[in-house]
Protein backbone atom coordinates (compact mmCIF):
# COMPACT_ATOMS: atom_id res chain seq x y z
CA UNK A 1 -197.20 4.37 -46.71
CA UNK A 2 -196.77 2.01 -49.46
CA UNK A 3 -194.72 -1.03 -49.22
CA UNK A 4 -191.70 -0.51 -51.14
CA UNK A 5 -191.52 -2.72 -54.20
CA UNK A 6 -188.92 -5.90 -53.98
CA UNK A 7 -186.17 -5.52 -56.54
CA UNK A 8 -186.60 -8.64 -58.87
CA UNK A 9 -183.75 -11.11 -58.49
CA UNK A 10 -181.23 -10.97 -61.30
CA UNK A 11 -181.70 -14.14 -63.55
CA UNK A 12 -179.09 -17.09 -63.07
CA UNK A 13 -176.99 -17.30 -65.92
CA UNK A 14 -175.13 -20.29 -67.38
CA UNK A 15 -171.73 -18.74 -65.90
CA UNK A 16 -173.26 -18.75 -62.32
CA UNK A 17 -173.93 -22.31 -62.52
CA UNK A 18 -170.72 -23.23 -64.12
CA UNK A 19 -169.09 -21.10 -61.39
CA UNK A 20 -170.73 -23.07 -58.30
CA UNK A 21 -170.13 -26.41 -60.13
CA UNK A 22 -166.19 -25.52 -60.29
CA UNK A 23 -166.31 -24.29 -56.74
CA UNK A 24 -167.93 -27.25 -55.11
CA UNK A 25 -165.22 -29.94 -56.26
CA UNK A 26 -162.48 -27.54 -55.00
CA UNK A 27 -164.17 -27.48 -51.43
CA UNK A 28 -164.54 -31.37 -51.67
CA UNK A 29 -160.81 -31.67 -52.72
CA UNK A 30 -159.63 -29.54 -49.89
CA UNK A 31 -161.70 -31.25 -47.24
CA UNK A 32 -160.65 -34.53 -48.40
CA UNK A 33 -156.92 -33.56 -48.40
CA UNK A 34 -157.50 -32.11 -44.86
CA UNK A 35 -158.73 -35.57 -43.65
CA UNK A 36 -155.97 -37.26 -45.54
CA UNK A 37 -153.36 -34.90 -43.56
CA UNK A 38 -155.08 -35.46 -40.17
CA UNK A 39 -154.57 -39.16 -40.82
CA UNK A 40 -150.91 -38.72 -41.81
CA UNK A 41 -150.21 -36.88 -38.44
CA UNK A 42 -151.53 -39.64 -36.22
CA UNK A 43 -148.53 -41.94 -37.73
CA UNK A 44 -146.27 -39.48 -38.34
CA UNK A 45 -142.86 -38.95 -36.49
CA UNK A 46 -143.26 -34.87 -36.00
CA UNK A 47 -139.58 -34.76 -35.40
CA UNK A 48 -138.79 -36.14 -39.07
CA UNK A 49 -142.07 -35.05 -40.75
CA UNK A 50 -142.45 -38.86 -41.94
CA UNK A 51 -144.45 -41.99 -40.93
CA UNK A 52 -141.41 -43.99 -39.84
CA UNK A 53 -141.11 -47.90 -38.95
CA UNK A 54 -142.99 -47.14 -35.84
CA UNK A 55 -145.67 -45.05 -37.44
CA UNK A 56 -146.07 -48.04 -39.96
CA UNK A 57 -146.26 -50.54 -37.39
CA UNK A 58 -149.22 -48.65 -35.54
CA UNK A 59 -150.85 -48.40 -38.86
CA UNK A 60 -150.69 -52.25 -39.11
CA UNK A 61 -152.16 -52.54 -35.78
CA UNK A 62 -155.06 -50.40 -36.60
CA UNK A 63 -155.89 -51.83 -39.96
CA UNK A 64 -155.30 -55.53 -38.84
CA UNK A 65 -152.69 -56.23 -41.30
CA UNK A 66 -149.31 -58.00 -40.17
CA UNK A 67 -146.36 -55.88 -41.35
CA UNK A 68 -145.01 -58.68 -43.11
CA UNK A 69 -148.10 -59.21 -45.26
CA UNK A 70 -147.74 -58.24 -48.88
CA UNK A 71 -150.64 -56.02 -48.71
CA UNK A 72 -148.18 -53.48 -47.12
CA UNK A 73 -145.71 -53.83 -49.87
CA UNK A 74 -148.57 -53.20 -52.07
CA UNK A 75 -149.61 -50.20 -50.28
CA UNK A 76 -145.93 -49.05 -50.24
CA UNK A 77 -146.02 -49.35 -54.43
CA UNK A 78 -149.42 -47.38 -54.52
CA UNK A 79 -147.81 -44.69 -52.36
CA UNK A 80 -144.73 -44.83 -54.90
CA UNK A 81 -142.65 -44.87 -51.51
CA UNK A 82 -139.01 -44.29 -52.04
CA UNK A 83 -137.49 -45.19 -48.68
CA UNK A 84 -137.90 -48.50 -47.31
CA UNK A 85 -140.10 -48.21 -43.98
CA UNK A 86 -140.91 -44.54 -44.51
CA UNK A 87 -143.87 -42.62 -46.11
CA UNK A 88 -143.49 -38.95 -46.86
CA UNK A 89 -146.61 -36.44 -46.42
CA UNK A 90 -146.64 -36.00 -50.37
CA UNK A 91 -146.40 -39.94 -50.90
CA UNK A 92 -149.13 -40.32 -48.28
CA UNK A 93 -151.59 -37.48 -49.77
CA UNK A 94 -151.05 -38.68 -53.55
CA UNK A 95 -151.62 -42.30 -52.68
CA UNK A 96 -154.42 -42.18 -50.49
CA UNK A 97 -156.12 -39.73 -52.89
CA UNK A 98 -155.74 -42.58 -55.52
CA UNK A 99 -157.20 -45.18 -53.14
CA UNK A 100 -160.07 -42.99 -52.13
CA UNK A 101 -159.16 -43.38 -48.51
CA UNK A 102 -159.36 -40.32 -46.36
CA UNK A 103 -160.41 -42.03 -43.05
CA UNK A 104 -159.08 -45.10 -41.22
CA UNK A 105 -162.21 -46.98 -41.86
CA UNK A 106 -161.77 -46.29 -45.62
CA UNK A 107 -157.99 -47.06 -45.80
CA UNK A 108 -158.82 -50.22 -43.91
CA UNK A 109 -161.10 -51.44 -46.59
CA UNK A 110 -158.64 -50.38 -49.05
CA UNK A 111 -155.79 -52.20 -47.80
CA UNK A 112 -157.96 -55.32 -47.58
CA UNK A 113 -158.35 -55.00 -51.21
CA UNK A 114 -155.17 -54.41 -52.35
CA UNK A 115 -154.40 -57.72 -53.65
CA UNK A 116 -157.04 -56.97 -56.15
CA UNK A 117 -154.66 -54.14 -57.27
CA UNK A 118 -151.83 -56.66 -58.92
CA UNK A 119 -154.36 -59.24 -60.64
CA UNK A 120 -153.34 -57.60 -63.72
CA UNK A 121 -150.23 -59.03 -65.19
CA UNK A 122 -148.74 -55.83 -66.09
CA UNK A 123 -149.68 -54.04 -62.86
CA UNK A 124 -148.05 -57.27 -61.03
CA UNK A 125 -144.77 -56.90 -63.12
CA UNK A 126 -144.59 -53.51 -62.26
CA UNK A 127 -145.07 -54.05 -58.35
CA UNK A 128 -142.67 -57.15 -58.86
CA UNK A 129 -139.82 -54.78 -59.92
CA UNK A 130 -140.88 -52.24 -57.36
CA UNK A 131 -140.69 -54.84 -54.52
CA UNK A 132 -136.87 -55.31 -55.42
CA UNK A 133 -136.16 -51.60 -55.64
CA UNK A 134 -137.85 -50.94 -52.46
CA UNK A 135 -135.41 -53.12 -50.64
CA UNK A 136 -132.23 -51.12 -51.81
CA UNK A 137 -131.68 -49.38 -48.51
CA UNK A 138 -128.64 -47.60 -49.50
CA UNK A 139 -128.21 -44.81 -52.43
CA UNK A 140 -126.54 -46.33 -55.53
CA UNK A 141 -127.05 -49.98 -54.39
CA UNK A 142 -127.74 -52.49 -56.95
CA UNK A 143 -127.82 -55.78 -55.31
CA UNK A 144 -129.84 -57.25 -52.31
CA UNK A 145 -128.40 -59.88 -49.95
CA UNK A 146 -129.63 -63.45 -50.36
CA UNK A 147 -131.45 -63.45 -47.08
CA UNK A 148 -133.58 -60.49 -48.09
CA UNK A 149 -134.03 -62.02 -51.42
CA UNK A 150 -135.45 -65.27 -49.83
CA UNK A 151 -137.84 -63.20 -47.44
CA UNK A 152 -138.70 -60.99 -50.54
CA UNK A 153 -139.76 -64.31 -52.50
CA UNK A 154 -141.97 -65.68 -49.66
CA UNK A 155 -143.87 -62.32 -49.48
CA UNK A 156 -144.26 -61.92 -53.18
CA UNK A 157 -144.39 -65.11 -54.86
CA UNK A 158 -145.35 -68.04 -52.58
CA UNK A 159 -148.96 -67.61 -52.68
CA UNK A 160 -148.74 -68.47 -56.80
CA UNK A 161 -145.72 -70.37 -56.80
CA UNK A 162 -145.25 -72.11 -53.13
CA UNK A 163 -143.16 -75.34 -54.55
CA UNK A 164 -141.07 -73.39 -56.66
CA UNK A 165 -140.09 -70.79 -53.99
CA UNK A 166 -139.37 -73.36 -51.43
CA UNK A 167 -137.09 -75.02 -53.54
CA UNK A 168 -135.31 -71.88 -55.04
CA UNK A 169 -134.97 -70.69 -51.51
CA UNK A 170 -133.40 -73.50 -50.33
CA UNK A 171 -130.97 -73.66 -53.01
CA UNK A 172 -129.95 -70.22 -52.30
CA UNK A 173 -129.38 -70.54 -48.98
CA UNK A 174 -126.70 -73.43 -49.55
CA UNK A 175 -125.09 -72.09 -52.70
CA UNK A 176 -121.81 -70.40 -52.62
CA UNK A 177 -121.66 -68.42 -55.75
CA UNK A 178 -123.92 -65.64 -54.96
CA UNK A 179 -123.92 -63.30 -51.76
CA UNK A 180 -126.30 -60.75 -53.56
CA UNK A 181 -128.69 -60.60 -56.58
CA UNK A 182 -129.44 -57.98 -58.84
CA UNK A 183 -132.77 -56.84 -60.63
CA UNK A 184 -132.01 -58.96 -63.75
CA UNK A 185 -131.89 -62.06 -61.33
CA UNK A 186 -135.11 -60.88 -59.91
CA UNK A 187 -137.00 -60.41 -62.67
CA UNK A 188 -135.85 -63.52 -64.25
CA UNK A 189 -137.29 -65.62 -61.16
CA UNK A 190 -140.84 -64.71 -62.26
CA UNK A 191 -140.13 -65.29 -65.94
CA UNK A 192 -138.54 -68.47 -64.72
CA UNK A 193 -141.39 -69.60 -62.46
CA UNK A 194 -144.05 -68.42 -65.00
CA UNK A 195 -142.55 -69.70 -68.30
CA UNK A 196 -140.03 -72.44 -67.73
CA UNK A 197 -140.00 -74.13 -64.19
CA UNK A 198 -143.41 -76.34 -64.63
CA UNK A 199 -143.83 -78.82 -62.06
CA UNK A 200 -142.79 -81.61 -64.33
CA UNK A 201 -139.17 -80.71 -64.20
CA UNK A 202 -138.92 -81.24 -60.32
CA UNK A 203 -140.17 -84.62 -61.27
CA UNK A 204 -137.65 -85.42 -63.96
CA UNK A 205 -134.66 -83.07 -63.49
CA UNK A 206 -132.46 -82.40 -60.62
CA UNK A 207 -132.94 -79.07 -59.13
CA UNK A 208 -129.24 -78.11 -59.18
CA UNK A 209 -129.18 -78.46 -62.53
CA UNK A 210 -132.60 -76.36 -63.35
CA UNK A 211 -131.16 -73.59 -61.18
CA UNK A 212 -127.72 -73.53 -62.98
CA UNK A 213 -129.27 -73.48 -66.30
CA UNK A 214 -131.30 -70.53 -65.14
CA UNK A 215 -128.42 -68.64 -63.41
CA UNK A 216 -126.18 -69.01 -66.71
CA UNK A 217 -128.95 -68.42 -69.15
CA UNK A 218 -128.98 -64.92 -70.81
C-alpha cells in the first residue's frame, strides 16, 4: 500500500511571528513576578500581609546592610513605601521590578548600588523630601521631632556635609525654640548647606548667628 502523502505545513505568517513575540514577554514577566512574590513571602508577616520591621531586619541581614544605612532608606524611596518600617506587596512588586531584582542575589546587588540612584541632583532632592515624609508616622502629622531630625540628618547628609551636620545637630539639641521641625525647615537645611553654609562661615562667624539667620530667613 502506498504511503499516504504528508500534508504540507501551512506557511508561517507575520501575524504568527508577532503573536509568539507578544506571548514570550508575558510569560517572562509572569515568572518574574512569581519570583518577586516568593521573595516577598519569605520576609512578610503572614497575618499582616506586609513586610514589617522584623521582616526588614531579616532582609538587612540577608543583604549584609545595616538597617540604619542610607541604602535602606533609598530602597524605601524606590519602593515608594508609604508607612515607615513596612513594605506592602504592591510596593514590593513594583519596586523590585523597577530595580530588576527578582532573586536575593539580584536584590543584594541592587541595594549595594542604590547610592548611585541619588547622584543626580533632581533625584536626590526628591529622595531628600521623601526621607522627611517617611518619618511622619502618624496621619495628618506635619512635623518631626528634633531627635529624629538629627538622626535623619546624619543618615542622609552627613557623608556630604560632615562638619555642617555635626554643628547643626549640636545646635538643634541645645536650642529651646523648636521641639519639632516641618518640611520647609528640612528642605532649607539642604539648600543652606549647599548654597549658604560655606566652610569659611565657621571660621569667621559665630554658629548661633548663622543658625539664627537660617531659621529666621524666608
